[in-house]
Amino acid sequence: MIETTLKPGDVTPATIPVRVTGPCEGVLAMNEYPATLTRDVLWLPPASALLVPPRAFHGRWLSIVPCGDHTAVSQSAGYAYDGPHDALLDAAPHDGIYQFCADIMAAWGWTEAEVLEWANNLFLWAMMTPDAGYVGKPAVPTIKRLAYYAAVRELGQTYHDIKTQGLWPVIAEDIGDRLAQQAPAVGDREG
């Protein structure tokens, strides 16, 4: 976890110890979610890629600290999340920011749309940057990267609203009812 006493300029890519240096298989563990971070992970997007936030945010699983010309985004081991298989590690900070959006809004004074857009842009930067998150991570191929980015931009807000406003059980029940109505009865099947 990054210390809360950091000031802009205290941290540079050369001075932050990146503890994740192994292959992706050592960073992720599969469980009921597609992935769980097994080690702390750090991303250092430059100000040229993302707007530097106005102040730090610190939570149990996610810290975001402005550091001059970079932003340090760290996530703690044990954080469980989902994301596309071939951009799974890149999705971790995006999912964390979506999950803690209300807390980040309060810390930064930004709107929900601004925080979610920041998360989307971080996801794009992580996918296109080799070694983002851990040494040896390849960039996601351009076509997939653009497809994933378009999906989170177009569907992310809706998905976030469904999860945060408690609408998922209602929507899931409605989908289940529709599927049940469309499925043939057991006696109607040929065979």
Protein backbone atom coordinates (compact mmCIF):
# COMPACT_ATOMS: atom_id res chain seq x y z
CA MET A 1 0.00 0.00 0.00
CA ILE A 2 1.31 3.46 -0.81
CA GLU A 3 1.87 5.69 2.23
CA THR A 4 -0.53 8.62 2.74
CA THR A 5 2.35 11.01 3.47
CA LEU A 6 3.47 11.19 -0.16
CA LYS A 7 3.67 14.59 -1.80
CA PRO A 8 3.88 15.32 -5.52
CA GLY A 9 7.45 14.72 -6.64
CA ASP A 10 8.23 12.23 -3.83
CA VAL A 11 7.48 9.24 -6.02
CA THR A 12 8.81 8.50 -9.48
CA PRO A 13 8.80 5.26 -11.49
CA ALA A 14 12.41 4.75 -10.41
CA THR A 15 11.70 5.07 -6.67
CA ILE A 16 8.55 2.96 -6.26
CA PRO A 17 9.41 -0.69 -5.59
CA VAL A 18 7.24 -2.69 -7.96
CA ARG A 19 6.81 -5.94 -6.09
CA VAL A 20 5.19 -7.83 -8.95
CA THR A 21 7.91 -9.12 -11.26
CA GLY A 22 6.76 -12.60 -12.22
CA PRO A 23 4.57 -13.95 -14.98
CA CYS A 24 0.84 -13.24 -15.04
CA GLU A 25 0.06 -16.70 -13.68
CA GLY A 26 1.75 -15.69 -10.42
CA VAL A 27 -0.29 -12.49 -10.13
CA LEU A 28 -3.76 -13.90 -10.66
CA ALA A 29 -5.57 -16.77 -8.97
CA MET A 30 -8.83 -18.12 -10.33
CA ASN A 31 -11.85 -18.44 -8.00
CA GLU A 32 -15.57 -17.59 -8.20
CA TYR A 33 -14.52 -14.33 -9.82
CA PRO A 34 -12.34 -14.67 -12.90
CA ALA A 35 -9.36 -13.33 -10.95
CA THR A 36 -7.96 -12.42 -7.56
CA LEU A 37 -4.75 -10.49 -7.17
CA THR A 38 -2.30 -12.64 -5.24
CA ARG A 39 0.22 -9.83 -4.85
CA ASP A 40 0.07 -6.05 -4.63
CA VAL A 41 0.13 -4.49 -8.09
CA LEU A 42 1.17 -0.99 -9.14
CA TRP A 43 0.35 1.04 -12.26
CA LEU A 44 2.07 4.37 -13.06
CA PRO A 45 0.15 6.12 -15.82
CA PRO A 46 1.82 9.38 -16.90
CA ALA A 47 -0.05 12.70 -16.91
CA SER A 48 0.16 12.58 -20.72
CA ALA A 49 -2.16 9.53 -20.63
CA LEU A 50 -4.54 10.49 -17.80
CA LEU A 51 -5.55 13.64 -16.00
CA VAL A 52 -3.73 13.64 -12.65
CA PRO A 53 -6.37 13.54 -9.87
CA PRO A 54 -6.63 16.53 -7.52
CA ARG A 55 -5.77 14.54 -4.37
CA ALA A 56 -5.08 11.04 -3.11
CA PHE A 57 -7.66 8.34 -2.56
CA HIS A 58 -6.94 5.48 -0.15
CA GLY A 59 -9.17 2.46 0.36
CA ARG A 60 -8.69 -1.10 1.62
CA TRP A 61 -8.13 -2.52 -1.88
CA LEU A 62 -7.22 0.52 -3.97
CA SER A 63 -5.03 3.61 -3.60
CA ILE A 64 -4.64 6.40 -6.14
CA VAL A 65 -1.93 8.99 -5.46
CA PRO A 66 -1.00 11.95 -7.67
CA CYS A 67 2.80 12.03 -7.97
CA GLY A 68 3.81 14.99 -10.10
CA ASP A 69 3.86 13.84 -13.71
CA HIS A 70 2.47 10.38 -12.87
CA THR A 71 -0.37 8.89 -10.86
CA ALA A 72 0.40 5.86 -8.69
CA VAL A 73 -2.50 3.39 -8.74
CA SER A 74 -1.97 0.44 -6.42
CA GLN A 75 -4.17 -2.51 -5.57
CA SER A 76 -3.77 -4.90 -2.70
CA ALA A 77 -3.38 -8.64 -2.89
CA GLY A 78 -6.71 -10.37 -2.39
CA TYR A 79 -8.78 -8.02 -4.54
CA ALA A 80 -11.24 -10.13 -6.59
CA TYR A 81 -12.75 -8.87 -9.85
CA ASP A 82 -13.75 -9.79 -13.36
CA GLY A 83 -12.66 -8.68 -16.82
CA PRO A 84 -11.82 -9.95 -20.29
CA HIS A 85 -9.53 -12.99 -20.18
CA ASP A 86 -6.71 -11.56 -22.29
CA ALA A 87 -6.77 -8.19 -20.48
CA LEU A 88 -7.52 -9.55 -17.02
CA LEU A 89 -4.74 -7.80 -15.11
CA ASP A 90 -5.42 -4.55 -16.98
CA ALA A 91 -9.06 -4.70 -15.81
CA ALA A 92 -8.19 -4.78 -12.09
CA PRO A 93 -7.78 -1.03 -11.48
CA HIS A 94 -10.72 -0.25 -13.79
CA ASP A 95 -12.99 -2.55 -11.80
CA GLY A 96 -11.70 -1.19 -8.49
CA ILE A 97 -12.41 2.39 -9.51
CA TYR A 98 -15.92 1.45 -10.65
CA GLN A 99 -16.49 -0.41 -7.36
CA PHE A 100 -15.33 2.48 -5.18
CA CYS A 101 -16.65 5.24 -7.45
CA ALA A 102 -18.75 6.98 -4.76
CA ASP A 103 -15.80 7.14 -2.36
CA ILE A 104 -13.49 8.43 -5.09
CA MET A 105 -16.08 11.05 -6.10
CA ALA A 106 -16.15 12.30 -2.50
CA ALA A 107 -12.33 12.37 -2.28
CA TRP A 108 -11.80 14.14 -5.60
CA GLY A 109 -14.92 16.27 -5.92
CA TRP A 110 -15.61 14.79 -9.37
CA THR A 111 -18.90 13.62 -10.84
CA GLU A 112 -19.66 9.93 -11.32
CA ALA A 113 -19.24 10.32 -15.08
CA GLU A 114 -15.78 11.90 -14.62
CA VAL A 115 -14.57 9.13 -12.29
CA LEU A 116 -15.87 6.34 -14.57
CA GLU A 117 -14.31 7.98 -17.64
CA TRP A 118 -10.99 8.19 -15.75
CA ALA A 119 -11.28 4.46 -15.03
CA ASN A 120 -12.03 3.73 -18.69
CA ASN A 121 -9.00 5.72 -19.82
CA LEU A 122 -6.79 3.97 -17.24
CA PHE A 123 -7.98 0.62 -18.63
CA LEU A 124 -7.08 1.72 -22.17
CA TRP A 125 -3.64 2.94 -21.05
CA ALA A 126 -2.94 -0.31 -19.16
CA MET A 127 -3.96 -2.44 -22.15
CA MET A 128 -1.70 -0.57 -24.56
CA THR A 129 1.34 -0.30 -22.26
CA PRO A 130 3.79 -3.22 -22.03
CA ASP A 131 4.91 -3.88 -18.43
CA ALA A 132 1.94 -1.93 -16.96
CA GLY A 133 1.17 -3.69 -13.68
CA TYR A 134 4.04 -6.15 -13.79
CA VAL A 135 7.29 -6.62 -15.64
CA GLY A 136 6.84 -8.74 -18.75
CA LYS A 137 3.14 -8.01 -19.35
CA PRO A 138 2.53 -7.63 -23.08
CA ALA A 139 0.27 -5.00 -24.60
CA VAL A 140 -3.18 -6.21 -25.64
CA PRO A 141 -3.48 -6.38 -29.46
CA THR A 142 -5.02 -3.23 -30.97
CA ILE A 143 -8.30 -4.74 -32.24
CA LYS A 144 -9.08 -6.38 -28.90
CA ARG A 145 -7.97 -3.30 -26.97
CA LEU A 146 -10.32 -1.06 -28.95
CA ALA A 147 -13.20 -3.53 -28.61
CA TYR A 148 -12.77 -3.78 -24.82
CA TYR A 149 -12.45 -0.01 -24.48
CA ALA A 150 -15.60 0.55 -26.56
CA ALA A 151 -17.46 -2.00 -24.44
CA VAL A 152 -16.54 -0.39 -21.11
CA ARG A 153 -17.38 3.07 -22.45
CA GLU A 154 -20.75 2.00 -23.81
CA LEU A 155 -21.83 -0.56 -21.23
CA GLY A 156 -19.84 0.36 -18.13
CA GLN A 157 -22.16 3.12 -16.90
CA THR A 158 -25.22 0.90 -17.27
CA TYR A 159 -23.52 -2.03 -15.53
CA HIS A 160 -22.32 0.29 -12.72
CA ASP A 161 -25.84 1.66 -12.24
CA ILE A 162 -27.32 -1.84 -12.11
CA LYS A 163 -24.85 -3.01 -9.45
CA THR A 164 -24.83 0.14 -7.29
CA GLN A 165 -28.58 0.78 -7.35
CA GLY A 166 -29.53 -2.79 -6.43
CA LEU A 167 -31.20 -3.46 -9.77
CA TRP A 168 -29.33 -6.67 -10.60
CA PRO A 169 -31.71 -9.11 -8.82
CA VAL A 170 -34.70 -7.48 -10.55
CA ILE A 171 -33.06 -7.61 -13.98
CA ALA A 172 -31.77 -11.17 -13.43
CA GLU A 173 -35.25 -12.32 -12.39
CA ASP A 174 -36.79 -10.65 -15.45
CA ILE A 175 -34.23 -12.29 -17.76
CA GLY A 176 -34.85 -15.65 -16.08
CA ASP A 177 -38.62 -15.28 -16.54
CA ARG A 178 -38.19 -14.41 -20.22
CA LEU A 179 -35.90 -17.37 -20.82
CA ALA A 180 -38.32 -19.69 -19.04
CA GLN A 181 -41.17 -18.45 -21.25
CA GLN A 182 -39.15 -19.06 -24.41
CA ALA A 183 -37.86 -22.52 -23.45
CA PRO A 184 -39.87 -25.46 -24.75
CA ALA A 185 -41.62 -27.62 -22.18
CA VAL A 186 -39.94 -30.95 -21.42
CA GLY A 187 -42.68 -32.90 -23.24
CA ASP A 188 -42.39 -30.62 -26.32
CA ARG A 189 -38.81 -31.63 -27.10
CA GLU A 190 -38.19 -33.90 -30.04
CA GLY A 191 -35.89 -36.74 -29.57
